[in-house]
Amino acid sequence: MDELIFKNKVKLYREKQGFSQSKLAEMVGTTRQTIIAIEKGTFSPTAKLAYLLCLALEVRFESLFYFE
């Protein structure tokens, strides 16, 4: 089986909501650098942070995160 890669659409939904990286970071209790790393795919959020991102961005988990 091929390796699954965990991906996300955080940047897309963040921009749709009109949030800056800093604003989103503040809303979910993390740093702008963490949001940057998540958007670039170089960092996978914890389950708690993924849940908070879904709440902040008003989107379901399976719409925000996916495997490719």
N, C-alpha and C. Protein backbone atom coordinates (compact mmCIF):
# COMPACT_ATOMS: atom_id res chain seq x y z
N MET A 1 0.84 -1.18 0.00
CA MET A 1 0.00 0.00 0.00
C MET A 1 0.88 1.24 0.00
N ASP A 2 0.52 2.22 -0.78
CA ASP A 2 1.27 3.46 -0.85
C ASP A 2 1.12 4.24 0.46
N GLU A 3 2.08 5.07 0.73
CA GLU A 3 2.05 5.90 1.93
C GLU A 3 0.99 6.99 1.78
N LEU A 4 0.18 7.15 2.82
CA LEU A 4 -0.84 8.21 2.84
C LEU A 4 -0.22 9.48 3.37
N ILE A 5 -0.53 10.59 2.73
CA ILE A 5 -0.01 11.89 3.14
C ILE A 5 -1.17 12.71 3.69
N PHE A 6 -1.00 13.19 4.93
CA PHE A 6 -2.03 13.99 5.60
C PHE A 6 -1.95 15.41 5.08
N LYS A 7 -3.03 15.90 4.48
CA LYS A 7 -3.06 17.24 3.88
C LYS A 7 -4.20 18.04 4.48
N ASN A 8 -4.21 19.34 4.17
CA ASN A 8 -5.27 20.18 4.71
C ASN A 8 -5.58 21.34 3.78
N LYS A 9 -6.70 21.97 4.07
CA LYS A 9 -7.15 23.15 3.33
C LYS A 9 -7.29 24.34 4.28
N VAL A 10 -6.43 24.40 5.28
CA VAL A 10 -6.51 25.46 6.28
C VAL A 10 -6.39 26.83 5.63
N LYS A 11 -5.41 27.01 4.75
CA LYS A 11 -5.22 28.31 4.11
C LYS A 11 -6.46 28.73 3.33
N LEU A 12 -7.03 27.81 2.57
CA LEU A 12 -8.22 28.10 1.77
C LEU A 12 -9.37 28.59 2.67
N TYR A 13 -9.67 27.84 3.72
CA TYR A 13 -10.78 28.21 4.59
C TYR A 13 -10.45 29.44 5.44
N ARG A 14 -9.20 29.60 5.82
CA ARG A 14 -8.79 30.80 6.58
C ARG A 14 -9.02 32.05 5.74
N GLU A 15 -8.62 31.99 4.48
CA GLU A 15 -8.79 33.14 3.59
C GLU A 15 -10.27 33.39 3.30
N LYS A 16 -11.08 32.32 3.18
CA LYS A 16 -12.52 32.49 2.98
C LYS A 16 -13.16 33.24 4.14
N GLN A 17 -12.66 32.98 5.35
CA GLN A 17 -13.19 33.63 6.55
C GLN A 17 -12.61 35.04 6.72
N GLY A 18 -11.56 35.36 5.96
CA GLY A 18 -10.94 36.67 6.07
C GLY A 18 -10.02 36.81 7.26
N PHE A 19 -9.52 35.69 7.78
CA PHE A 19 -8.63 35.71 8.93
C PHE A 19 -7.17 35.76 8.49
N SER A 20 -6.37 36.51 9.20
CA SER A 20 -4.92 36.46 9.00
C SER A 20 -4.41 35.22 9.74
N GLN A 21 -3.19 34.84 9.44
CA GLN A 21 -2.58 33.72 10.15
C GLN A 21 -2.49 34.04 11.64
N SER A 22 -2.16 35.27 11.96
CA SER A 22 -2.05 35.69 13.36
C SER A 22 -3.39 35.60 14.08
N LYS A 23 -4.46 36.05 13.41
CA LYS A 23 -5.80 36.02 14.01
C LYS A 23 -6.23 34.59 14.26
N LEU A 24 -6.04 33.71 13.29
CA LEU A 24 -6.41 32.31 13.47
C LEU A 24 -5.61 31.69 14.60
N ALA A 25 -4.32 31.97 14.64
CA ALA A 25 -3.47 31.44 15.71
C ALA A 25 -4.00 31.87 17.08
N GLU A 26 -4.35 33.12 17.19
CA GLU A 26 -4.89 33.65 18.45
C GLU A 26 -6.20 32.95 18.82
N MET A 27 -7.05 32.72 17.84
CA MET A 27 -8.35 32.08 18.08
C MET A 27 -8.21 30.66 18.60
N VAL A 28 -7.19 29.95 18.15
CA VAL A 28 -7.03 28.54 18.54
C VAL A 28 -5.94 28.31 19.58
N GLY A 29 -5.32 29.39 20.04
CA GLY A 29 -4.33 29.27 21.11
C GLY A 29 -2.99 28.71 20.70
N THR A 30 -2.53 29.11 19.53
CA THR A 30 -1.21 28.68 19.07
C THR A 30 -0.48 29.87 18.48
N THR A 31 0.62 29.62 17.79
CA THR A 31 1.41 30.70 17.22
C THR A 31 1.20 30.80 15.72
N ARG A 32 1.53 31.95 15.18
CA ARG A 32 1.45 32.15 13.73
C ARG A 32 2.37 31.16 13.02
N GLN A 33 3.53 30.89 13.61
CA GLN A 33 4.48 29.95 13.01
C GLN A 33 3.87 28.55 12.88
N THR A 34 3.06 28.16 13.86
CA THR A 34 2.39 26.86 13.80
C THR A 34 1.38 26.83 12.67
N ILE A 35 0.61 27.91 12.52
CA ILE A 35 -0.37 27.99 11.43
C ILE A 35 0.36 27.92 10.08
N ILE A 36 1.46 28.62 9.95
CA ILE A 36 2.26 28.58 8.72
C ILE A 36 2.70 27.14 8.42
N ALA A 37 3.22 26.45 9.44
CA ALA A 37 3.71 25.08 9.26
C ALA A 37 2.57 24.13 8.89
N ILE A 38 1.40 24.31 9.48
CA ILE A 38 0.24 23.47 9.14
C ILE A 38 -0.15 23.72 7.69
N GLU A 39 -0.25 24.99 7.30
CA GLU A 39 -0.64 25.33 5.92
C GLU A 39 0.36 24.78 4.90
N LYS A 40 1.62 24.79 5.23
CA LYS A 40 2.65 24.27 4.32
C LYS A 40 2.71 22.74 4.31
N GLY A 41 2.09 22.12 5.31
CA GLY A 41 2.12 20.66 5.41
C GLY A 41 3.36 20.12 6.07
N THR A 42 4.12 20.97 6.74
CA THR A 42 5.33 20.52 7.42
C THR A 42 5.08 20.16 8.87
N PHE A 43 3.85 20.38 9.35
CA PHE A 43 3.47 20.06 10.72
C PHE A 43 2.03 19.57 10.71
N SER A 44 1.79 18.44 11.36
CA SER A 44 0.43 17.91 11.50
C SER A 44 -0.08 18.30 12.89
N PRO A 45 -1.24 18.92 12.95
CA PRO A 45 -1.77 19.35 14.24
C PRO A 45 -2.20 18.17 15.10
N THR A 46 -2.21 18.39 16.40
CA THR A 46 -2.76 17.39 17.31
C THR A 46 -4.26 17.30 17.05
N ALA A 47 -4.88 16.29 17.59
CA ALA A 47 -6.33 16.14 17.43
C ALA A 47 -7.05 17.35 18.02
N LYS A 48 -6.58 17.82 19.16
CA LYS A 48 -7.21 18.98 19.81
C LYS A 48 -7.09 20.22 18.93
N LEU A 49 -5.90 20.47 18.40
CA LEU A 49 -5.70 21.66 17.57
C LEU A 49 -6.50 21.54 16.27
N ALA A 50 -6.56 20.36 15.69
CA ALA A 50 -7.36 20.15 14.48
C ALA A 50 -8.83 20.45 14.76
N TYR A 51 -9.32 20.01 15.91
CA TYR A 51 -10.71 20.27 16.31
C TYR A 51 -10.95 21.77 16.47
N LEU A 52 -10.03 22.45 17.14
CA LEU A 52 -10.16 23.90 17.34
C LEU A 52 -10.13 24.65 16.01
N LEU A 53 -9.30 24.20 15.09
CA LEU A 53 -9.26 24.82 13.76
C LEU A 53 -10.60 24.65 13.05
N CYS A 54 -11.18 23.47 13.16
CA CYS A 54 -12.49 23.23 12.54
C CYS A 54 -13.55 24.17 13.13
N LEU A 55 -13.53 24.33 14.44
CA LEU A 55 -14.49 25.23 15.09
C LEU A 55 -14.27 26.68 14.64
N ALA A 56 -13.02 27.12 14.65
CA ALA A 56 -12.70 28.51 14.30
C ALA A 56 -13.06 28.81 12.84
N LEU A 57 -12.83 27.83 11.97
CA LEU A 57 -13.06 28.04 10.54
C LEU A 57 -14.47 27.62 10.11
N GLU A 58 -15.24 27.09 11.07
CA GLU A 58 -16.63 26.69 10.83
C GLU A 58 -16.73 25.69 9.67
N VAL A 59 -15.93 24.65 9.77
CA VAL A 59 -15.89 23.63 8.71
C VAL A 59 -15.72 22.25 9.36
N ARG A 60 -16.28 21.25 8.71
CA ARG A 60 -16.17 19.88 9.22
C ARG A 60 -14.74 19.35 9.03
N PHE A 61 -14.35 18.45 9.92
CA PHE A 61 -13.00 17.89 9.88
C PHE A 61 -12.66 17.32 8.50
N GLU A 62 -13.57 16.54 7.94
CA GLU A 62 -13.28 15.88 6.66
C GLU A 62 -13.21 16.83 5.47
N SER A 63 -13.69 18.05 5.67
CA SER A 63 -13.54 19.08 4.63
C SER A 63 -12.21 19.81 4.77
N LEU A 64 -11.72 19.90 6.00
CA LEU A 64 -10.49 20.64 6.28
C LEU A 64 -9.24 19.77 6.14
N PHE A 65 -9.36 18.51 6.54
CA PHE A 65 -8.22 17.59 6.51
C PHE A 65 -8.55 16.37 5.68
N TYR A 66 -7.54 15.86 4.97
CA TYR A 66 -7.75 14.69 4.10
C TYR A 66 -6.41 13.98 3.87
N PHE A 67 -6.51 12.77 3.37
CA PHE A 67 -5.31 11.99 3.01
C PHE A 67 -5.23 11.90 1.51
N GLU A 68 -4.01 11.94 1.03
CA GLU A 68 -3.78 11.84 -0.42
C GLU A 68 -2.74 10.77 -0.67
